Every structure is written in structure tokens, then in C-alpha cells.
Amino acid sequence: PTTCILMCAVVGAQASAAPTLPLWEAGVIGG
């Protein structure tokens, strides 16, 4: 899953990066 490798792995990383996170985030990803 090429697109998911780039996007979703970063999503998973951000999801564990802090105790409190915003409901949604929007941005740009490249790799």
C-alpha cells in the first residue's frame, strides 16, 4: 500500500505522540 505507507504510518506515529491530541489535523505529506 504505497500511499498508506507514507500517510498512515505517519498518522499512527502522530496518534501516539502526545497525551492530548486535536480531533482533526490537515496538512501535506511527501516522501
All heavy atoms as atom14 arrays in JSON, in Angstrom:
{
  "sequence": "PTTCILMCAVVGAQASAAPTLPLWEAGVIGG",
  "atom14_mask": [
    [1, 1, 1, 1, 1, 1, 1, 0, 0, 0, 0, 0, 0, 0],
    [1, 1, 1, 1, 1, 1, 1, 0, 0, 0, 0, 0, 0, 0],
    [1, 1, 1, 1, 1, 1, 1, 0, 0, 0, 0, 0, 0, 0],
    [1, 1, 1, 1, 1, 1, 0, 0, 0, 0, 0, 0, 0, 0],
    [1, 1, 1, 1, 1, 1, 1, 1, 0, 0, 0, 0, 0, 0],
    [1, 1, 1, 1, 1, 1, 1, 1, 0, 0, 0, 0, 0, 0],
    [1, 1, 1, 1, 1, 1, 1, 1, 0, 0, 0, 0, 0, 0],
    [1, 1, 1, 1, 1, 1, 0, 0, 0, 0, 0, 0, 0, 0],
    [1, 1, 1, 1, 1, 0, 0, 0, 0, 0, 0, 0, 0, 0],
    [1, 1, 1, 1, 1, 1, 1, 0, 0, 0, 0, 0, 0, 0],
    [1, 1, 1, 1, 1, 1, 1, 0, 0, 0, 0, 0, 0, 0],
    [1, 1, 1, 1, 0, 0, 0, 0, 0, 0, 0, 0, 0, 0],
    [1, 1, 1, 1, 1, 0, 0, 0, 0, 0, 0, 0, 0, 0],
    [1, 1, 1, 1, 1, 1, 1, 1, 1, 0, 0, 0, 0, 0],
    [1, 1, 1, 1, 1, 0, 0, 0, 0, 0, 0, 0, 0, 0],
    [1, 1, 1, 1, 1, 1, 0, 0, 0, 0, 0, 0, 0, 0],
    [1, 1, 1, 1, 1, 0, 0, 0, 0, 0, 0, 0, 0, 0],
    [1, 1, 1, 1, 1, 0, 0, 0, 0, 0, 0, 0, 0, 0],
    [1, 1, 1, 1, 1, 1, 1, 0, 0, 0, 0, 0, 0, 0],
    [1, 1, 1, 1, 1, 1, 1, 0, 0, 0, 0, 0, 0, 0],
    [1, 1, 1, 1, 1, 1, 1, 1, 0, 0, 0, 0, 0, 0],
    [1, 1, 1, 1, 1, 1, 1, 0, 0, 0, 0, 0, 0, 0],
    [1, 1, 1, 1, 1, 1, 1, 1, 0, 0, 0, 0, 0, 0],
    [1, 1, 1, 1, 1, 1, 1, 1, 1, 1, 1, 1, 1, 1],
    [1, 1, 1, 1, 1, 1, 1, 1, 1, 0, 0, 0, 0, 0],
    [1, 1, 1, 1, 1, 0, 0, 0, 0, 0, 0, 0, 0, 0],
    [1, 1, 1, 1, 0, 0, 0, 0, 0, 0, 0, 0, 0, 0],
    [1, 1, 1, 1, 1, 1, 1, 0, 0, 0, 0, 0, 0, 0],
    [1, 1, 1, 1, 1, 1, 1, 1, 0, 0, 0, 0, 0, 0],
    [1, 1, 1, 1, 0, 0, 0, 0, 0, 0, 0, 0, 0, 0],
    [1, 1, 1, 1, 0, 0, 0, 0, 0, 0, 0, 0, 0, 0]
  ],
  "atom14_positions": [
    [[0.82, -1.2, 0.0], [0.0, 0.0, 0.0], [0.86, 1.26, 0.0], [1.11, 1.86, 1.03], [-0.81, -0.13, 1.29], [0.05, -0.94, 2.19], [0.84, -1.87, 1.3], [0.0, 0.0, 0.0], [0.0, 0.0, 0.0], [0.0, 0.0, 0.0], [0.0, 0.0, 0.0], [0.0, 0.0, 0.0], [0.0, 0.0, 0.0], [0.0, 0.0, 0.0]],
    [[1.32, 1.69, -1.18], [2.29, 2.77, -1.29], [1.82, 4.04, -0.6], [2.52, 4.63, 0.21], [2.55, 3.07, -2.78], [2.88, 1.86, -3.44], [3.69, 4.05, -2.93], [0.0, 0.0, 0.0], [0.0, 0.0, 0.0], [0.0, 0.0, 0.0], [0.0, 0.0, 0.0], [0.0, 0.0, 0.0], [0.0, 0.0, 0.0], [0.0, 0.0, 0.0]],
    [[0.62, 4.5, -0.93], [0.11, 5.72, -0.33], [-0.05, 5.57, 1.17], [0.29, 6.45, 1.95], [-1.25, 6.09, -0.97], [-1.08, 6.18, -2.37], [-1.75, 7.41, -0.43], [0.0, 0.0, 0.0], [0.0, 0.0, 0.0], [0.0, 0.0, 0.0], [0.0, 0.0, 0.0], [0.0, 0.0, 0.0], [0.0, 0.0, 0.0], [0.0, 0.0, 0.0]],
    [[-0.54, 4.42, 1.6], [-0.75, 4.2, 3.02], [0.56, 4.1, 3.79], [0.63, 4.5, 4.95], [-1.57, 2.93, 3.22], [-2.37, 2.83, 4.81], [0.0, 0.0, 0.0], [0.0, 0.0, 0.0], [0.0, 0.0, 0.0], [0.0, 0.0, 0.0], [0.0, 0.0, 0.0], [0.0, 0.0, 0.0], [0.0, 0.0, 0.0], [0.0, 0.0, 0.0]],
    [[1.61, 3.56, 3.16], [2.91, 3.51, 3.82], [3.35, 4.91, 4.21], [3.82, 5.16, 5.31], [3.95, 2.85, 2.89], [3.73, 1.33, 2.88], [5.37, 3.15, 3.35], [4.59, 0.61, 1.88], [0.0, 0.0, 0.0], [0.0, 0.0, 0.0], [0.0, 0.0, 0.0], [0.0, 0.0, 0.0], [0.0, 0.0, 0.0], [0.0, 0.0, 0.0]],
    [[3.19, 5.87, 3.3], [3.62, 7.24, 3.58], [2.69, 7.93, 4.56], [3.12, 8.53, 5.53], [3.67, 8.05, 2.27], [4.85, 7.75, 1.35], [4.75, 8.63, 0.11], [6.17, 7.97, 2.04], [0.0, 0.0, 0.0], [0.0, 0.0, 0.0], [0.0, 0.0, 0.0], [0.0, 0.0, 0.0], [0.0, 0.0, 0.0], [0.0, 0.0, 0.0]],
    [[1.39, 7.87, 4.29], [0.46, 8.65, 5.08], [0.08, 8.01, 6.4], [0.22, 8.6, 7.46], [-0.82, 8.91, 4.29], [-1.88, 9.67, 5.08], [-3.34, 9.98, 4.07], [-4.43, 10.67, 5.32], [0.0, 0.0, 0.0], [0.0, 0.0, 0.0], [0.0, 0.0, 0.0], [0.0, 0.0, 0.0], [0.0, 0.0, 0.0], [0.0, 0.0, 0.0]],
    [[-0.36, 6.75, 6.34], [-0.95, 6.14, 7.52], [0.06, 5.82, 8.59], [-0.25, 5.84, 9.78], [-1.74, 4.9, 7.12], [-3.1, 5.28, 6.02], [0.0, 0.0, 0.0], [0.0, 0.0, 0.0], [0.0, 0.0, 0.0], [0.0, 0.0, 0.0], [0.0, 0.0, 0.0], [0.0, 0.0, 0.0], [0.0, 0.0, 0.0], [0.0, 0.0, 0.0]],
    [[1.28, 5.51, 8.22], [2.3, 5.26, 9.23], [2.61, 6.53, 9.99], [2.83, 6.51, 11.2], [3.56, 4.73, 8.57], [0.0, 0.0, 0.0], [0.0, 0.0, 0.0], [0.0, 0.0, 0.0], [0.0, 0.0, 0.0], [0.0, 0.0, 0.0], [0.0, 0.0, 0.0], [0.0, 0.0, 0.0], [0.0, 0.0, 0.0], [0.0, 0.0, 0.0]],
    [[2.6, 7.67, 9.29], [2.81, 8.94, 9.98], [1.62, 9.27, 10.85], [1.74, 9.79, 11.96], [3.08, 10.07, 8.96], [3.19, 11.4, 9.66], [4.37, 9.78, 8.21], [0.0, 0.0, 0.0], [0.0, 0.0, 0.0], [0.0, 0.0, 0.0], [0.0, 0.0, 0.0], [0.0, 0.0, 0.0], [0.0, 0.0, 0.0], [0.0, 0.0, 0.0]],
    [[0.42, 8.96, 10.36], [-0.78, 9.15, 11.17], [-0.68, 8.37, 12.46], [-0.95, 8.86, 13.55], [-2.03, 8.71, 10.38], [-3.24, 8.65, 11.29], [-2.28, 9.67, 9.23], [0.0, 0.0, 0.0], [0.0, 0.0, 0.0], [0.0, 0.0, 0.0], [0.0, 0.0, 0.0], [0.0, 0.0, 0.0], [0.0, 0.0, 0.0], [0.0, 0.0, 0.0]],
    [[-0.25, 7.1, 12.35], [-0.1, 6.28, 13.54], [0.94, 6.84, 14.47], [0.81, 6.79, 15.7], [0.0, 0.0, 0.0], [0.0, 0.0, 0.0], [0.0, 0.0, 0.0], [0.0, 0.0, 0.0], [0.0, 0.0, 0.0], [0.0, 0.0, 0.0], [0.0, 0.0, 0.0], [0.0, 0.0, 0.0], [0.0, 0.0, 0.0], [0.0, 0.0, 0.0]],
    [[2.02, 7.38, 13.92], [3.07, 7.97, 14.74], [2.56, 9.17, 15.49], [2.8, 9.35, 16.68], [4.24, 8.36, 13.86], [0.0, 0.0, 0.0], [0.0, 0.0, 0.0], [0.0, 0.0, 0.0], [0.0, 0.0, 0.0], [0.0, 0.0, 0.0], [0.0, 0.0, 0.0], [0.0, 0.0, 0.0], [0.0, 0.0, 0.0], [0.0, 0.0, 0.0]],
    [[1.8, 10.03, 14.81], [1.27, 11.22, 15.46], [0.25, 10.86, 16.52], [0.12, 11.52, 17.54], [0.64, 12.13, 14.41], [1.67, 12.76, 13.49], [1.02, 13.48, 12.33], [-0.09, 13.17, 11.95], [1.73, 14.42, 11.76], [0.0, 0.0, 0.0], [0.0, 0.0, 0.0], [0.0, 0.0, 0.0], [0.0, 0.0, 0.0], [0.0, 0.0, 0.0]],
    [[-0.47, 9.77, 16.28], [-1.51, 9.38, 17.22], [-0.95, 8.99, 18.57], [-1.66, 9.0, 19.57], [-2.33, 8.23, 16.64], [0.0, 0.0, 0.0], [0.0, 0.0, 0.0], [0.0, 0.0, 0.0], [0.0, 0.0, 0.0], [0.0, 0.0, 0.0], [0.0, 0.0, 0.0], [0.0, 0.0, 0.0], [0.0, 0.0, 0.0], [0.0, 0.0, 0.0]],
    [[0.34, 8.63, 18.63], [0.93, 8.22, 19.9], [1.91, 9.26, 20.43], [2.63, 9.0, 21.37], [1.65, 6.89, 19.73], [2.72, 7.05, 18.82], [0.0, 0.0, 0.0], [0.0, 0.0, 0.0], [0.0, 0.0, 0.0], [0.0, 0.0, 0.0], [0.0, 0.0, 0.0], [0.0, 0.0, 0.0], [0.0, 0.0, 0.0], [0.0, 0.0, 0.0]],
    [[1.94, 10.44, 19.8], [2.99, 11.4, 20.1], [2.69, 12.29, 21.3], [3.58, 12.97, 21.77], [3.26, 12.28, 18.88], [0.0, 0.0, 0.0], [0.0, 0.0, 0.0], [0.0, 0.0, 0.0], [0.0, 0.0, 0.0], [0.0, 0.0, 0.0], [0.0, 0.0, 0.0], [0.0, 0.0, 0.0], [0.0, 0.0, 0.0], [0.0, 0.0, 0.0]],
    [[1.46, 12.32, 21.79], [1.15, 13.21, 22.9], [-0.09, 12.7, 23.62], [-0.93, 12.06, 23.02], [0.93, 14.63, 22.39], [0.0, 0.0, 0.0], [0.0, 0.0, 0.0], [0.0, 0.0, 0.0], [0.0, 0.0, 0.0], [0.0, 0.0, 0.0], [0.0, 0.0, 0.0], [0.0, 0.0, 0.0], [0.0, 0.0, 0.0], [0.0, 0.0, 0.0]],
    [[-0.23, 13.0, 24.94], [-1.38, 12.52, 25.68], [-2.69, 13.11, 25.17], [-3.71, 12.45, 25.16], [-1.08, 12.98, 27.11], [0.38, 13.26, 27.14], [0.74, 13.7, 25.77], [0.0, 0.0, 0.0], [0.0, 0.0, 0.0], [0.0, 0.0, 0.0], [0.0, 0.0, 0.0], [0.0, 0.0, 0.0], [0.0, 0.0, 0.0], [0.0, 0.0, 0.0]],
    [[-2.68, 14.41, 24.74], [-3.88, 15.07, 24.26], [-3.65, 15.52, 22.83], [-2.7, 16.23, 22.54], [-4.22, 16.29, 25.14], [-4.38, 15.86, 26.5], [-5.5, 16.94, 24.66], [0.0, 0.0, 0.0], [0.0, 0.0, 0.0], [0.0, 0.0, 0.0], [0.0, 0.0, 0.0], [0.0, 0.0, 0.0], [0.0, 0.0, 0.0], [0.0, 0.0, 0.0]],
    [[-4.54, 15.13, 21.95], [-4.39, 15.43, 20.53], [-5.66, 16.1, 20.02], [-6.76, 15.88, 20.55], [-4.14, 14.16, 19.74], [-2.81, 13.46, 20.01], [-2.86, 12.03, 19.48], [-1.68, 14.23, 19.37], [0.0, 0.0, 0.0], [0.0, 0.0, 0.0], [0.0, 0.0, 0.0], [0.0, 0.0, 0.0], [0.0, 0.0, 0.0], [0.0, 0.0, 0.0]],
    [[-5.56, 16.92, 18.98], [-6.76, 17.52, 18.4], [-7.63, 16.5, 17.7], [-7.15, 15.45, 17.26], [-6.19, 18.54, 17.4], [-4.84, 18.04, 17.07], [-4.33, 17.37, 18.31], [0.0, 0.0, 0.0], [0.0, 0.0, 0.0], [0.0, 0.0, 0.0], [0.0, 0.0, 0.0], [0.0, 0.0, 0.0], [0.0, 0.0, 0.0], [0.0, 0.0, 0.0]],
    [[-8.92, 16.81, 17.58], [-9.85, 15.9, 16.94], [-9.47, 15.65, 15.48], [-9.58, 14.53, 14.99], [-11.27, 16.46, 17.02], [-12.36, 15.6, 16.37], [-12.49, 14.25, 17.06], [-13.69, 16.35, 16.38], [0.0, 0.0, 0.0], [0.0, 0.0, 0.0], [0.0, 0.0, 0.0], [0.0, 0.0, 0.0], [0.0, 0.0, 0.0], [0.0, 0.0, 0.0]],
    [[-9.0, 16.71, 14.8], [-8.57, 16.54, 13.41], [-7.35, 17.4, 13.12], [-7.1, 18.41, 13.78], [-9.7, 16.85, 12.42], [-10.23, 18.27, 12.5], [-11.31, 18.71, 13.18], [-9.65, 19.43, 11.85], [-11.47, 20.06, 13.03], [-10.47, 20.54, 12.21], [-8.55, 19.65, 11.03], [-10.21, 21.82, 11.75], [-8.28, 20.94, 10.58], [-9.11, 22.01, 10.94]],
    [[-6.59, 16.98, 12.12], [-5.43, 17.71, 11.62], [-5.42, 17.6, 10.11], [-5.77, 16.57, 9.56], [-4.13, 17.14, 12.19], [-3.98, 17.29, 13.68], [-2.72, 16.6, 14.2], [-2.05, 15.91, 13.42], [-2.44, 16.75, 15.41], [0.0, 0.0, 0.0], [0.0, 0.0, 0.0], [0.0, 0.0, 0.0], [0.0, 0.0, 0.0], [0.0, 0.0, 0.0]],
    [[-5.0, 18.68, 9.45], [-4.88, 18.68, 8.0], [-3.5, 19.19, 7.62], [-2.96, 20.08, 8.28], [-5.96, 19.56, 7.36], [0.0, 0.0, 0.0], [0.0, 0.0, 0.0], [0.0, 0.0, 0.0], [0.0, 0.0, 0.0], [0.0, 0.0, 0.0], [0.0, 0.0, 0.0], [0.0, 0.0, 0.0], [0.0, 0.0, 0.0], [0.0, 0.0, 0.0]],
    [[-2.93, 18.61, 6.58], [-1.59, 19.03, 6.19], [-1.17, 18.45, 4.86], [-2.0, 18.01, 4.06], [0.0, 0.0, 0.0], [0.0, 0.0, 0.0], [0.0, 0.0, 0.0], [0.0, 0.0, 0.0], [0.0, 0.0, 0.0], [0.0, 0.0, 0.0], [0.0, 0.0, 0.0], [0.0, 0.0, 0.0], [0.0, 0.0, 0.0], [0.0, 0.0, 0.0]],
    [[0.12, 18.44, 4.65], [0.72, 17.92, 3.43], [1.8, 16.92, 3.81], [2.53, 17.14, 4.79], [1.34, 19.06, 2.58], [2.04, 18.48, 1.36], [0.27, 20.04, 2.16], [0.0, 0.0, 0.0], [0.0, 0.0, 0.0], [0.0, 0.0, 0.0], [0.0, 0.0, 0.0], [0.0, 0.0, 0.0], [0.0, 0.0, 0.0], [0.0, 0.0, 0.0]],
    [[1.87, 15.84, 3.06], [2.89, 14.84, 3.32], [3.61, 14.51, 2.01], [3.0, 14.49, 0.94], [2.27, 13.57, 3.93], [3.35, 12.55, 4.3], [1.26, 12.94, 3.0], [2.82, 11.38, 5.1], [0.0, 0.0, 0.0], [0.0, 0.0, 0.0], [0.0, 0.0, 0.0], [0.0, 0.0, 0.0], [0.0, 0.0, 0.0], [0.0, 0.0, 0.0]],
    [[4.9, 14.34, 2.09], [5.68, 13.97, 0.92], [6.78, 13.01, 1.31], [7.25, 13.0, 2.45], [0.0, 0.0, 0.0], [0.0, 0.0, 0.0], [0.0, 0.0, 0.0], [0.0, 0.0, 0.0], [0.0, 0.0, 0.0], [0.0, 0.0, 0.0], [0.0, 0.0, 0.0], [0.0, 0.0, 0.0], [0.0, 0.0, 0.0], [0.0, 0.0, 0.0]],
    [[7.18, 12.18, 0.35], [8.23, 11.22, 0.65], [8.53, 10.34, -0.53], [8.09, 10.59, -1.65], [0.0, 0.0, 0.0], [0.0, 0.0, 0.0], [0.0, 0.0, 0.0], [0.0, 0.0, 0.0], [0.0, 0.0, 0.0], [0.0, 0.0, 0.0], [0.0, 0.0, 0.0], [0.0, 0.0, 0.0], [0.0, 0.0, 0.0], [0.0, 0.0, 0.0]]
  ]
}
